[in-house]
Protein backbone atom coordinates (compact mmCIF):
# COMPACT_ATOMS: atom_id res chain seq x y z
CA UNK A 1 -20.17 18.27 10.09
CA UNK A 2 -20.17 15.09 11.59
CA UNK A 3 -18.39 12.27 10.34
CA UNK A 4 -19.06 8.67 11.38
CA UNK A 5 -16.50 6.14 10.88
CA UNK A 6 -18.55 2.67 10.32
CA UNK A 7 -16.44 -0.57 10.48
CA UNK A 8 -19.14 -3.58 10.27
CA UNK A 9 -17.57 -6.32 11.20
CA UNK A 10 -18.94 -9.72 11.55
CA UNK A 11 -18.47 -10.00 15.03
CA UNK A 12 -19.85 -6.49 15.95
CA UNK A 13 -19.99 -2.56 14.42
CA UNK A 14 -17.75 -0.23 15.26
CA UNK A 15 -18.69 3.52 14.65
CA UNK A 16 -17.20 6.87 15.09
CA UNK A 17 -18.82 9.36 15.25
CA UNK A 18 -16.63 13.10 14.95
CA UNK A 19 -18.66 16.41 15.11
CA UNK A 20 -15.92 19.61 15.99
CA UNK A 21 -13.28 17.47 16.97
CA UNK A 22 -15.36 15.81 19.44
CA UNK A 23 -14.56 11.94 19.25
CA UNK A 24 -17.39 9.63 20.18
CA UNK A 25 -17.25 5.68 19.70
CA UNK A 26 -19.32 2.93 20.33
CA UNK A 27 -18.83 -1.19 19.63
CA UNK A 28 -21.95 -3.29 19.69
CA UNK A 29 -22.85 -7.05 18.79
CA UNK A 30 -23.12 -8.22 15.54
CA UNK A 31 -25.67 -10.43 16.67
CA UNK A 32 -29.39 -9.71 15.44
CA UNK A 33 -32.45 -11.65 16.17
CA UNK A 34 -36.36 -11.66 15.79
CA UNK A 35 -38.25 -12.46 19.78
CA UNK A 36 -39.15 -9.74 22.39
CA UNK A 37 -37.55 -8.45 25.58
CA UNK A 38 -41.50 -8.01 27.60
CA UNK A 39 -41.90 -10.33 29.46
CA UNK A 40 -44.82 -9.89 30.90
CA UNK A 41 -44.83 -10.27 34.94
CA UNK A 42 -42.48 -13.06 34.24
CA UNK A 43 -39.76 -13.43 37.52
CA UNK A 44 -37.93 -14.93 39.88
CA UNK A 45 -38.99 -12.26 42.66
CA UNK A 46 -35.98 -10.67 44.35
CA UNK A 47 -33.89 -12.98 43.78
CA UNK A 48 -32.95 -12.27 40.04
CA UNK A 49 -32.44 -8.65 40.52
CA UNK A 50 -29.28 -9.08 41.99
CA UNK A 51 -27.60 -10.14 38.46
CA UNK A 52 -29.58 -8.63 35.94
CA UNK A 53 -27.99 -9.65 31.97
CA UNK A 54 -27.95 -7.26 29.77
CA UNK A 55 -31.03 -6.58 26.96
CA UNK A 56 -30.52 -6.44 23.50
CA UNK A 57 -31.54 -2.85 22.00
CA UNK A 58 -34.74 -3.33 20.13
CA UNK A 59 -34.72 -1.46 17.16
CA UNK A 60 -38.22 -0.68 14.96
CA UNK A 61 -37.69 -0.09 11.27
CA UNK A 62 -40.44 -0.20 9.02
CA UNK A 63 -42.81 -1.18 11.65
CA UNK A 64 -40.82 -4.55 12.23
CA UNK A 65 -38.96 -4.58 15.57
CA UNK A 66 -35.45 -7.19 16.03
CA UNK A 67 -33.08 -7.48 18.82
CA UNK A 68 -29.40 -6.43 18.59
CA UNK A 69 -26.39 -6.53 20.33
CA UNK A 70 -25.85 -8.71 23.99
CA UNK A 71 -27.93 -11.63 24.50
CA UNK A 72 -30.18 -12.01 21.81
CA UNK A 73 -29.97 -15.57 22.55
CA UNK A 74 -31.85 -15.27 25.56
CA UNK A 75 -34.86 -13.38 24.08
CA UNK A 76 -35.03 -14.83 20.35
CA UNK A 77 -33.24 -16.75 17.02
CA UNK A 78 -30.60 -15.24 16.13
CA UNK A 79 -29.74 -15.16 12.11
CA UNK A 80 -26.02 -15.58 12.00
CA UNK A 81 -25.27 -14.79 8.05
CA UNK A 82 -21.11 -14.21 7.81
CA UNK A 83 -21.41 -14.21 4.15
CA UNK A 84 -20.44 -10.77 2.10
CA UNK A 85 -23.84 -10.32 0.94
CA UNK A 86 -24.68 -10.04 3.88
CA UNK A 87 -23.48 -5.95 4.05
CA UNK A 88 -26.32 -5.75 1.41
CA UNK A 89 -28.42 -3.79 3.16
CA UNK A 90 -30.70 -6.64 4.47
CA UNK A 91 -32.82 -5.96 7.51
CA UNK A 92 -29.48 -7.43 9.40
CA UNK A 93 -27.59 -5.49 9.08
CA UNK A 94 -29.67 -2.22 8.81
CA UNK A 95 -30.95 -2.95 12.43
CA UNK A 96 -27.20 -3.65 13.74
CA UNK A 97 -26.35 0.06 12.05
CA UNK A 98 -28.70 1.70 13.63
CA UNK A 99 -28.42 0.52 17.04
CA UNK A 100 -24.26 1.33 16.42
CA UNK A 101 -25.06 5.38 15.16
CA UNK A 102 -27.83 5.23 18.23
CA UNK A 103 -24.78 4.96 20.80
CA UNK A 104 -22.64 8.06 19.14
CA UNK A 105 -25.79 10.67 17.36
CA UNK A 106 -28.51 12.31 19.23
CA UNK A 107 -31.93 11.52 18.90
CA UNK A 108 -34.15 13.16 16.42
CA UNK A 109 -32.39 14.86 13.57
CA UNK A 110 -28.58 14.63 12.31
CA UNK A 111 -26.63 14.66 9.43
CA UNK A 112 -23.85 13.02 8.45
CA UNK A 113 -21.10 11.85 6.06
CA UNK A 114 -20.06 8.63 6.66
CA UNK A 115 -16.11 6.59 5.43
CA UNK A 116 -17.41 3.38 5.42
CA UNK A 117 -14.39 0.48 5.90
CA UNK A 118 -14.46 -2.74 3.54
CA UNK A 119 -12.53 -5.87 3.59
CA UNK A 120 -9.21 -6.25 1.94
CA UNK A 121 -11.28 -8.95 -0.30
CA UNK A 122 -13.48 -6.86 -1.49
CA UNK A 123 -11.77 -4.00 -1.90
CA UNK A 124 -8.72 -5.93 -4.29
CA UNK A 125 -11.60 -7.32 -6.89
CA UNK A 126 -12.77 -3.71 -8.53
CA UNK A 127 -15.57 -4.91 -10.59
CA UNK A 128 -16.16 -6.68 -6.62
CA UNK A 129 -15.62 -3.76 -4.70
CA UNK A 130 -17.47 -1.10 -7.38
CA UNK A 131 -20.37 -3.38 -7.40
CA UNK A 132 -20.60 -4.07 -3.03
CA UNK A 133 -19.58 -0.06 -2.86
CA UNK A 134 -22.87 0.28 -5.51
CA UNK A 135 -25.01 -1.27 -2.89
CA UNK A 136 -24.74 -0.37 0.14
CA UNK A 137 -24.59 3.18 -0.52
CA UNK A 138 -28.39 2.32 -2.26
CA UNK A 139 -29.44 1.98 1.06
CA UNK A 140 -26.88 4.03 2.97
CA UNK A 141 -27.53 7.36 1.18
CA UNK A 142 -30.51 8.66 2.28
CA UNK A 143 -32.80 9.52 4.51
CA UNK A 144 -32.66 6.46 7.89
CA UNK A 145 -36.18 7.20 10.13
CA UNK A 146 -35.59 4.06 12.89
CA UNK A 147 -36.31 3.80 16.40
CA UNK A 148 -34.11 2.49 19.52
CA UNK A 149 -35.71 1.00 22.73
CA UNK A 150 -38.81 3.44 21.49
CA UNK A 151 -36.55 6.54 20.69
CA UNK A 152 -37.05 7.50 17.74
CA UNK A 153 -33.82 8.86 15.13
CA UNK A 154 -33.93 9.91 11.85
CA UNK A 155 -30.25 10.20 10.35
CA UNK A 156 -29.95 11.97 7.03
CA UNK A 157 -26.58 10.92 5.35
CA UNK A 158 -25.67 12.70 2.97
CA UNK A 159 -22.42 10.58 1.29
CA UNK A 160 -20.73 7.21 1.65
CA UNK A 161 -17.02 6.78 1.10
CA UNK A 162 -15.44 3.48 1.59
CA UNK A 163 -11.39 2.53 2.07
CA UNK A 164 -9.98 -1.21 3.67
CA UNK A 165 -11.04 -1.73 6.79
CA UNK A 166 -7.54 -1.91 7.99
CA UNK A 167 -6.60 1.65 6.32
CA UNK A 168 -8.58 3.09 9.60
CA UNK A 169 -5.52 1.40 11.56
CA UNK A 170 -2.91 3.76 9.94
CA UNK A 171 -5.53 6.72 10.23
CA UNK A 172 -5.80 6.23 13.36
CA UNK A 173 -1.99 6.16 14.95
CA UNK A 174 -1.16 8.65 12.28
CA UNK A 175 -4.03 11.74 12.72
CA UNK A 176 -5.70 13.08 15.55
CA UNK A 177 -9.64 14.07 15.14
CA UNK A 178 -9.28 16.99 13.04
CA UNK A 179 -7.72 15.09 10.20
CA UNK A 180 -4.68 16.55 10.43
CA UNK A 181 -1.61 14.71 9.91
CA UNK A 182 0.42 14.11 13.29
CA UNK A 183 3.20 11.62 12.58
CA UNK A 184 6.48 12.94 11.08
CA UNK A 185 6.64 13.40 7.03
CA UNK A 186 9.11 11.03 7.06
CA UNK A 187 6.44 8.22 8.63
CA UNK A 188 4.33 8.92 5.97
CA UNK A 189 6.94 7.03 3.62
CA UNK A 190 8.41 4.49 5.10
CA UNK A 191 7.04 0.63 4.23
CA UNK A 192 4.40 0.28 7.37
CA UNK A 193 2.34 -2.88 7.78
CA UNK A 194 -1.09 -3.52 8.45
CA UNK A 195 -2.61 -7.10 10.26
CA UNK A 196 -6.24 -6.76 10.53
CA UNK A 197 -7.86 -9.68 12.17
CA UNK A 198 -12.21 -9.72 12.75
CA UNK A 199 -14.44 -11.96 13.13
CA UNK A 200 -15.13 -13.39 9.81
CA UNK A 201 -11.78 -12.37 7.86
CA UNK A 202 -7.94 -11.80 8.09
CA UNK A 203 -6.58 -8.53 6.13
CA UNK A 204 -2.48 -8.02 5.91
CA UNK A 205 -2.71 -4.26 4.22
CA UNK A 206 1.61 -2.78 2.78
CA UNK A 207 2.11 1.02 3.04
CA UNK A 208 4.54 2.76 1.75
CA UNK A 209 5.12 5.81 0.03
CA UNK A 210 1.64 6.64 0.55
CA UNK A 211 1.40 3.77 -1.77
CA UNK A 212 -0.40 0.55 -1.45
CA UNK A 213 2.44 -1.97 -1.87
CA UNK A 214 0.28 -4.85 -4.09
CA UNK A 215 2.52 -7.87 -2.79
CA UNK A 216 2.34 -7.52 0.95
CA UNK A 217 -1.42 -6.85 0.55
CA UNK A 218 -3.95 -9.61 0.84
CA UNK A 219 -7.12 -11.38 2.49
CA UNK A 220 -9.04 -14.36 3.72
CA UNK A 221 -12.82 -15.53 5.80
CA UNK A 222 -9.79 -16.52 8.33
CA UNK A 223 -10.69 -14.14 11.63
CA UNK A 224 -11.89 -15.78 14.95
CA UNK A 225 -14.92 -17.47 13.68
CA UNK A 226 -12.09 -20.11 12.90
CA UNK A 227 -12.23 -20.56 16.85
CA UNK A 228 -15.56 -19.99 17.81
CA UNK A 229 -16.77 -23.07 15.69
CA UNK A 230 -13.98 -25.20 16.71
CA UNK A 231 -15.35 -24.76 19.98
CA UNK A 232 -18.99 -24.93 18.98
CA UNK A 233 -17.87 -28.79 17.91
CA UNK A 234 -15.98 -29.51 21.57
CA UNK A 235 -18.64 -28.37 23.92
CA UNK A 236 -21.80 -29.60 21.32
CA UNK A 237 -19.93 -33.37 21.05
CA UNK A 238 -18.42 -33.17 24.85
CA UNK A 239 -21.33 -31.48 26.63
CA UNK A 240 -24.32 -31.91 24.05
CA UNK A 241 -24.71 -28.21 24.38
CA UNK A 242 -25.52 -25.90 21.05
CA UNK A 243 -23.61 -22.63 21.27
CA UNK A 244 -24.28 -19.78 18.92
CA UNK A 245 -21.52 -18.49 17.37
CA UNK A 246 -21.70 -15.85 19.34
CA UNK A 247 -22.24 -17.03 22.33
CA UNK A 248 -18.88 -19.22 21.29
CA UNK A 249 -16.96 -15.57 20.75
CA UNK A 250 -17.95 -13.95 23.68
CA UNK A 251 -16.18 -17.01 25.89
CA UNK A 252 -13.14 -17.38 23.30
CA UNK A 253 -12.35 -13.43 26.20
CA UNK A 254 -14.05 -13.94 29.35
CA UNK A 255 -10.87 -14.57 31.42
CA UNK A 256 -12.33 -17.94 33.20
CA UNK A 257 -14.81 -19.60 30.64
CA UNK A 258 -17.50 -21.65 32.21
CA UNK A 259 -20.78 -23.40 30.98
CA UNK A 260 -23.72 -24.53 32.91
CA UNK A 261 -24.73 -28.05 31.57
CA UNK A 262 -26.78 -31.00 33.01
CA UNK A 263 -23.99 -31.72 35.07
CA UNK A 264 -23.42 -28.65 36.56
CA UNK A 265 -21.25 -25.67 35.90
CA UNK A 266 -17.70 -26.69 33.54
CA UNK A 267 -14.82 -24.96 33.20
CA UNK A 268 -13.98 -24.82 28.94
CA UNK A 269 -9.99 -23.52 29.62
CA UNK A 270 -8.80 -25.93 27.99
CA UNK A 271 -11.03 -26.21 25.02
CA UNK A 272 -10.61 -22.64 24.54
CA UNK A 273 -7.31 -21.96 25.09
CA UNK A 274 -6.60 -24.87 22.11
CA UNK A 275 -9.82 -23.55 19.56
CA UNK A 276 -7.76 -20.49 19.84
CA UNK A 277 -4.05 -22.36 19.39
CA UNK A 278 -5.75 -24.30 16.25
CA UNK A 279 -6.55 -20.37 15.31
CA UNK A 280 -2.93 -19.04 15.74
CA UNK A 281 -1.39 -21.62 14.11
CA UNK A 282 -3.10 -21.10 11.30
CA UNK A 283 -2.91 -16.83 11.40
CA UNK A 284 1.15 -17.42 11.10
CA UNK A 285 1.07 -19.34 8.85
CA UNK A 286 -0.21 -16.45 6.62
CA UNK A 287 1.14 -14.08 7.69
CA UNK A 288 4.17 -15.90 6.94
CA UNK A 289 3.15 -16.90 3.53
CA UNK A 290 2.42 -13.29 2.49
CA UNK A 291 5.20 -11.49 5.30
CA UNK A 292 7.67 -14.15 6.25
CA UNK A 293 8.96 -12.81 8.99
CA UNK A 294 7.82 -9.36 8.28
CA UNK A 295 11.81 -7.56 8.55
CA UNK A 296 10.73 -5.06 5.36
CA UNK A 297 8.70 -3.20 6.93
CA UNK A 298 9.81 -0.32 9.48
CA UNK A 299 6.49 -0.21 11.71
CA UNK A 300 4.19 -3.28 11.24
CA UNK A 301 0.59 -2.83 13.42
CA UNK A 302 -1.22 -5.69 14.74
CA UNK A 303 -5.43 -4.86 15.09
CA UNK A 304 -8.61 -6.40 15.22
CA UNK A 305 -10.67 -8.08 17.72
CA UNK A 306 -8.17 -11.28 17.14
CA UNK A 307 -5.93 -9.29 17.29
CA UNK A 308 -6.04 -8.79 21.33
CA UNK A 309 -6.89 -12.50 21.70
CA UNK A 310 -4.25 -14.39 20.11
CA UNK A 311 -1.57 -11.02 21.20
CA UNK A 312 0.61 -12.90 22.66
CA UNK A 313 1.41 -16.05 20.51
CA UNK A 314 1.01 -12.71 17.25
CA UNK A 315 4.42 -10.76 19.48
CA UNK A 316 6.45 -13.75 20.20
CA UNK A 317 6.21 -14.33 16.29
CA UNK A 318 7.15 -10.41 15.83
CA UNK A 319 8.96 -9.23 18.05
CA UNK A 320 9.00 -5.37 16.39
CA UNK A 321 5.07 -5.54 15.80
CA UNK A 322 2.89 -2.76 18.12
CA UNK A 323 -0.88 -3.62 19.16
CA UNK A 324 -2.84 -0.79 19.36
CA UNK A 325 -4.24 1.25 22.42
CA UNK A 326 -7.71 0.03 21.27
CA UNK A 327 -7.07 -2.83 18.99
CA UNK A 328 -11.61 -3.17 18.68
CA UNK A 329 -12.26 0.48 17.34
CA UNK A 330 -8.53 0.66 15.77
CA UNK A 331 -10.19 1.51 12.04
CA UNK A 332 -13.81 3.20 12.89
CA UNK A 333 -11.19 5.94 14.74
CA UNK A 334 -9.13 6.59 11.48
CA UNK A 335 -12.09 5.88 9.29
CA UNK A 336 -13.40 9.18 10.90
CA UNK A 337 -10.60 11.22 11.21
CA UNK A 338 -9.77 10.76 7.36
CA UNK A 339 -13.31 11.52 6.66
CA UNK A 340 -13.23 14.49 8.59
CA UNK A 341 -9.82 15.28 6.11
CA UNK A 342 -11.70 14.32 2.49
CA UNK A 343 -15.09 15.78 3.58
CA UNK A 344 -14.22 18.84 4.76
CA UNK A 345 -11.67 19.22 1.49
CA UNK A 346 -15.45 18.65 -0.42
CA UNK A 347 -17.33 20.82 0.88
CA UNK A 348 -14.32 23.58 1.00
CA UNK A 349 -14.37 22.90 -3.12
CA UNK A 350 -17.89 23.21 -3.30
CA UNK A 351 -17.63 26.87 -1.88
CA UNK A 352 -14.75 28.95 -2.32
CA UNK A 353 -14.13 31.88 -1.02
CA UNK A 354 -14.37 34.38 -3.13
CA UNK A 355 -11.30 35.67 -1.74
CA UNK A 356 -8.72 33.43 -1.36
CA UNK A 357 -7.56 29.98 -3.18
CA UNK A 358 -8.90 26.85 -2.72
CA UNK A 359 -6.60 24.33 -2.68
CA UNK A 360 -7.24 21.02 -5.33
CA UNK A 361 -5.69 18.73 -3.42
């Protein structure tokens, strides 16, 4: 049985696949566009061979090709949707998911069970969550033939279950790749808080005694998109250059961000630090409104790509907080681990042994 944990972020699609206790992960930038990577005979000779930029994947579905991942803006026009309805199954989200699945599944035929992570904002509203999940299952469950870079795949998704995205971090911390809880039993009962900062979402998640603490759980569209938009505006105003959101997000993550302009190469350190500082202030303000100083939690985790960028500010305000070793992939990994546990139980219920009692839970 292959179980996929899928974290469909606005900045990147994160997937984790577990098969027979072996974990594989992939992170694909969620940039999708229309264009072509075929430049014919265009080149600048041997001078251009020293530093080749990474090409996007070419994903073909239903006879139409899309560019997905790195440097889409070099080859076509990026489609930059950040609304929650993008998850409803349009061609751009399908192409991005297929590109990610191709990184963790072999070519040819694959059969999988999928555990999906959705933002807290969606999961907290029963009606919206049910409608969203019904729509997503409508396009995810079933057979998916596609090609990635001319390699053919057919993925049969048998079932889709959903959890709040930050719950994946809790499972990544507490479970191993067989779906077994490896922390102490006490760790299941103490109050735990998770702050998940993505590109377009900021999710707060509180858990105690195996139940969600509603008072400490909240969601907002207060992610790293705020910093990217600030940088886009500042760069356009100062240098007259328009950046895509994915370009801006990449600059936010560079150690020494620089930009080529008509006036030559310019450093962007000051603009990046300003954008990150303003965004960090909004994030900390949101945290303090809902958690105050967080002293009520025995465990406090920061996760997501935004937490990696803002870690110094976050840990200064919440010194007992912990940044997980791989905060970008933590949700997908945890969702896959929990999926192994849940789908294995369901399978055992469907085919009970005639000589053995099958536990109910």
